Amino acid sequence: LVGNNAYAAPIPSLETPIADVSQIAGLLQSRFGFETRIVKDAGKAKIIEALNRVAAEAKPDDSVLLFYAGHGYLLDDVNMGYWIPVDASVKTAQGWISNSDISRLLAAIPARQLILVSDSCYSGSLTKEQKVTQTRALTPEEILRQRSVLVLSSGADEPVSDEGKEGHSIFAWNLIKTLQATGGLAPGAQVWSSVRSGVSKEYPQQPQYGAVVSAGHAEGGDFLFQKSE
């Protein structure tokens, strides 16, 4: 989980990402049995190094959840979304991480279950390849037979709020509440539906959910959140 607060001027610093990733990491560990790693205030090299490490260590039967909280940007002329690392320049996109870079990094992770949660402005551009609204009537066993690569974004192609509740962004707060209430087995589409409902009641932003076919997502797949015993 990557949380970026400390940006250098003229890029404004953010208030909530580190608090968001810290609480979500604790929840993933205690409730769902994940091994978690937190990367704080990371530049481009550090983010890519962390993702490459996951790719090197993940096994085909693993479930991997990646989380990014920080600035994002959309270049209108090329319609490409980017993550903005803490060491990025506003003068050139060279230090940014593009959606196509992110897709390649996801493709390199061999896990059968893979989801990227992105809490940043314009992150909905990551979900455009194939929208997912609900899982067809497949059993968990059927879903787990195929590779699933999903993205849950905090909004569409729009700025998103860094303000929220109890020291968290509005998206992270709703995700935390949803995960705390999740019992047994919950598909990602169900988690997204709950988070979207909570966010859109209070802010004019629409969390999105989509599959990254270019990274190996198979038709009918979804990410399963399974509460540990």
Protein backbone atom coordinates (compact mmCIF):
# COMPACT_ATOMS: atom_id res chain seq x y z
CA LEU A 1 0.00 0.00 0.00
CA VAL A 2 1.47 3.31 -1.11
CA GLY A 3 0.49 6.50 0.75
CA ASN A 4 1.88 9.81 -0.47
CA ASN A 5 1.40 12.92 1.70
CA ALA A 6 4.60 14.95 1.41
CA TYR A 7 4.71 16.57 -2.02
CA ALA A 8 7.12 19.39 -2.87
CA ALA A 9 5.72 22.76 -3.91
CA PRO A 10 4.08 23.72 -6.18
CA ILE A 11 2.32 20.33 -5.84
CA PRO A 12 0.14 20.61 -2.72
CA SER A 13 0.71 18.16 0.10
CA LEU A 14 -2.13 15.79 1.06
CA GLU A 15 -3.59 15.15 4.49
CA THR A 16 -4.98 11.61 4.50
CA PRO A 17 -3.08 9.04 2.35
CA ILE A 18 -0.70 7.70 5.04
CA ALA A 19 -3.52 7.45 7.60
CA ASP A 20 -5.65 5.73 4.95
CA VAL A 21 -3.10 3.08 4.00
CA SER A 22 -2.15 2.45 7.64
CA GLN A 23 -5.70 1.70 8.73
CA ILE A 24 -6.58 -0.29 5.59
CA ALA A 25 -3.39 -2.35 5.93
CA GLY A 26 -4.30 -3.21 9.53
CA LEU A 27 -7.78 -4.23 8.45
CA LEU A 28 -6.52 -6.38 5.57
CA GLN A 29 -4.13 -8.12 7.93
CA SER A 30 -6.45 -8.71 10.88
CA ARG A 31 -9.70 -9.40 9.06
CA PHE A 32 -8.60 -10.99 5.78
CA GLY A 33 -5.24 -12.55 6.64
CA PHE A 34 -3.07 -10.54 4.23
CA GLU A 35 0.62 -9.97 4.70
CA THR A 36 0.91 -6.19 4.31
CA ARG A 37 3.61 -3.72 3.37
CA ILE A 38 3.30 0.06 3.56
CA VAL A 39 5.35 2.44 1.43
CA LYS A 40 5.18 6.09 2.55
CA ASP A 41 5.98 9.24 0.58
CA ALA A 42 7.43 7.35 -2.36
CA GLY A 43 9.05 8.60 -5.54
CA LYS A 44 8.66 6.85 -8.88
CA ALA A 45 11.64 4.49 -8.44
CA LYS A 46 10.47 3.42 -4.97
CA ILE A 47 6.90 2.70 -6.15
CA ILE A 48 8.06 0.67 -9.14
CA GLU A 49 10.62 -1.19 -7.01
CA ALA A 50 7.86 -2.13 -4.51
CA LEU A 51 5.55 -3.39 -7.28
CA ASN A 52 8.37 -5.32 -8.96
CA ARG A 53 9.12 -6.98 -5.61
CA VAL A 54 5.50 -8.13 -5.37
CA ALA A 55 5.75 -9.49 -8.93
CA ALA A 56 8.92 -11.42 -8.04
CA GLU A 57 7.48 -12.94 -4.86
CA ALA A 58 3.80 -13.58 -5.72
CA LYS A 59 2.76 -17.16 -6.48
CA PRO A 60 0.02 -18.20 -8.93
CA ASP A 61 -2.38 -19.14 -6.13
CA ASP A 62 -1.95 -15.87 -4.22
CA SER A 63 -4.42 -13.02 -3.79
CA VAL A 64 -2.72 -9.65 -4.15
CA LEU A 65 -4.22 -6.27 -3.31
CA LEU A 66 -2.36 -3.11 -4.26
CA PHE A 67 -3.41 0.31 -2.95
CA TYR A 68 -2.29 3.76 -4.10
CA ALA A 69 -3.30 6.97 -2.34
CA GLY A 70 -1.81 10.18 -3.67
CA HIS A 71 -2.03 12.71 -6.47
CA GLY A 72 -3.15 11.73 -9.95
CA TYR A 73 -3.42 13.62 -13.22
CA LEU A 74 -5.05 13.26 -16.64
CA LEU A 75 -3.33 14.55 -19.77
CA ASP A 76 -6.26 15.51 -21.95
CA ASP A 77 -4.39 15.60 -25.25
CA VAL A 78 -3.40 11.92 -24.99
CA ASN A 79 -6.27 10.91 -22.64
CA MET A 80 -3.77 9.17 -20.37
CA GLY A 81 -4.04 9.01 -16.60
CA TYR A 82 -1.00 9.14 -14.31
CA TRP A 83 0.02 8.65 -10.70
CA ILE A 84 2.09 11.58 -9.44
CA PRO A 85 4.90 10.38 -7.11
CA VAL A 86 6.24 12.71 -4.41
CA ASP A 87 9.38 13.52 -6.43
CA ALA A 88 7.45 14.40 -9.61
CA SER A 89 7.93 17.64 -11.53
CA VAL A 90 5.03 19.72 -12.83
CA LYS A 91 7.09 20.62 -15.91
CA THR A 92 7.49 17.15 -17.39
CA ALA A 93 5.66 13.82 -17.22
CA GLN A 94 8.96 11.93 -17.08
CA GLY A 95 8.68 11.28 -13.34
CA TRP A 96 5.00 10.29 -13.46
CA ILE A 97 3.65 6.72 -13.67
CA SER A 98 1.24 6.25 -16.58
CA ASN A 99 -1.74 3.95 -16.81
CA SER A 100 0.11 1.92 -19.44
CA ASP A 101 3.06 1.54 -17.01
CA ILE A 102 0.61 0.44 -14.30
CA SER A 103 -1.02 -2.09 -16.64
CA ARG A 104 2.39 -3.59 -17.47
CA LEU A 105 3.27 -3.79 -13.77
CA LEU A 106 -0.02 -5.61 -13.08
CA ALA A 107 0.58 -8.01 -15.98
CA ALA A 108 3.94 -8.98 -14.41
CA ILE A 109 2.32 -10.11 -11.14
CA PRO A 110 1.45 -13.82 -11.57
CA ALA A 111 -1.22 -13.98 -8.83
CA ARG A 112 -4.56 -15.45 -9.87
CA GLN A 113 -6.44 -12.85 -7.81
CA LEU A 114 -5.22 -9.29 -8.26
CA ILE A 115 -6.89 -5.97 -7.46
CA LEU A 116 -5.57 -2.43 -7.57
CA VAL A 117 -7.36 0.14 -5.43
CA SER A 118 -6.47 3.67 -6.53
CA ASP A 119 -7.53 6.68 -4.45
CA SER A 120 -6.38 9.56 -6.62
CA CYS A 121 -7.74 12.16 -8.99
CA TYR A 122 -8.62 10.80 -12.46
CA SER A 123 -8.02 7.20 -11.36
CA GLY A 124 -11.21 6.09 -13.14
CA SER A 125 -9.23 6.11 -16.39
CA LEU A 126 -7.66 2.85 -15.15
CA THR A 127 -11.04 1.10 -15.19
CA LYS A 128 -11.98 1.86 -18.79
CA GLU A 129 -10.86 -1.34 -20.51
CA GLN A 130 -13.86 -3.34 -19.32
CA LYS A 131 -16.47 -2.24 -16.80
CA VAL A 132 -17.56 -4.76 -14.16
CA THR A 133 -20.90 -4.29 -12.43
CA GLN A 134 -21.68 -7.65 -10.92
CA THR A 135 -20.34 -11.17 -10.94
CA ARG A 136 -22.33 -13.60 -13.02
CA ALA A 137 -23.71 -16.58 -11.13
CA LEU A 138 -20.36 -18.30 -10.71
CA THR A 139 -19.28 -20.19 -7.62
CA PRO A 140 -16.15 -19.05 -5.76
CA GLU A 141 -14.42 -22.18 -7.06
CA GLU A 142 -15.25 -21.22 -10.66
CA ILE A 143 -14.05 -17.65 -10.13
CA LEU A 144 -10.79 -18.84 -8.56
CA ARG A 145 -9.97 -21.08 -11.55
CA GLN A 146 -9.24 -18.06 -13.73
CA ARG A 147 -7.06 -14.98 -13.50
CA SER A 148 -8.78 -11.85 -12.27
CA VAL A 149 -7.21 -8.39 -12.59
CA LEU A 150 -9.49 -5.63 -11.28
CA VAL A 151 -9.23 -1.92 -10.49
CA LEU A 152 -11.37 -0.13 -7.91
CA SER A 153 -10.96 3.63 -8.28
CA SER A 154 -12.08 6.43 -5.98
CA GLY A 155 -13.70 8.36 -8.82
CA ALA A 156 -14.12 8.60 -12.57
CA ASP A 157 -12.12 10.98 -14.80
CA GLU A 158 -12.46 13.71 -12.21
CA PRO A 159 -10.76 15.32 -9.23
CA VAL A 160 -11.57 13.54 -5.95
CA SER A 161 -11.81 14.85 -2.43
CA ASP A 162 -8.93 14.64 0.02
CA GLU A 163 -11.37 15.72 2.72
CA GLY A 164 -13.46 13.13 4.44
CA LYS A 165 -14.23 11.71 7.82
CA GLU A 166 -12.20 10.87 10.90
CA GLY A 167 -8.91 11.73 9.21
CA HIS A 168 -9.55 9.64 6.07
CA SER A 169 -10.50 10.52 2.52
CA ILE A 170 -14.21 10.03 1.83
CA PHE A 171 -13.36 7.04 -0.40
CA ALA A 172 -11.02 5.40 2.13
CA TRP A 173 -13.51 5.98 4.97
CA ASN A 174 -16.26 4.21 3.03
CA LEU A 175 -13.90 1.39 2.02
CA ILE A 176 -12.86 0.92 5.66
CA LYS A 177 -16.51 0.78 6.80
CA THR A 178 -17.39 -1.67 4.00
CA LEU A 179 -14.48 -3.99 4.76
CA GLN A 180 -15.27 -3.89 8.48
CA ALA A 181 -18.80 -5.06 7.70
CA THR A 182 -17.77 -7.74 5.21
CA GLY A 183 -18.33 -11.26 6.51
CA GLY A 184 -17.53 -14.55 4.86
CA LEU A 185 -16.89 -14.11 1.16
CA ALA A 186 -17.55 -10.88 -0.76
CA PRO A 187 -16.80 -10.29 -4.46
CA GLY A 188 -15.08 -7.04 -5.33
CA ALA A 189 -18.14 -5.87 -7.30
CA GLN A 190 -20.15 -6.02 -4.07
CA VAL A 191 -17.50 -4.05 -2.17
CA TRP A 192 -17.41 -1.45 -4.97
CA SER A 193 -21.21 -1.12 -4.99
CA SER A 194 -21.25 -0.42 -1.24
CA VAL A 195 -18.36 2.07 -1.42
CA ARG A 196 -19.84 3.87 -4.44
CA SER A 197 -23.19 4.23 -2.70
CA GLY A 198 -21.60 5.72 0.43
CA VAL A 199 -19.29 8.12 -1.43
CA SER A 200 -21.83 9.41 -3.95
CA LYS A 201 -24.33 10.26 -1.20
CA GLU A 202 -21.95 12.88 0.17
CA TYR A 203 -19.60 13.93 -2.63
CA PRO A 204 -19.98 14.44 -6.39
CA GLN A 205 -17.55 11.65 -7.25
CA GLN A 206 -18.32 8.20 -8.59
CA PRO A 207 -16.04 5.25 -7.67
CA GLN A 208 -15.52 2.96 -10.65
CA TYR A 209 -14.82 -0.77 -11.03
CA GLY A 210 -13.25 -2.37 -14.06
CA ALA A 211 -11.18 -5.25 -15.36
CA VAL A 212 -7.72 -4.87 -16.90
CA VAL A 213 -7.92 -7.28 -19.84
CA SER A 214 -4.48 -6.19 -21.10
CA ALA A 215 -2.99 -7.50 -17.82
CA GLY A 216 -4.58 -10.94 -18.26
CA HIS A 217 -8.08 -10.64 -16.75
CA ALA A 218 -10.35 -13.54 -17.79
CA GLU A 219 -14.04 -13.07 -18.59
CA GLY A 220 -16.29 -13.60 -15.57
CA GLY A 221 -13.51 -13.18 -13.03
CA ASP A 222 -13.70 -11.06 -9.88
CA PHE A 223 -11.61 -10.46 -6.77
CA LEU A 224 -12.87 -12.30 -3.70
CA PHE A 225 -12.52 -10.72 -0.27
CA GLN A 226 -12.50 -13.69 2.11
CA LYS A 227 -12.68 -13.13 5.83
CA SER A 228 -10.03 -15.19 7.59
CA GLU A 229 -11.19 -17.74 10.15
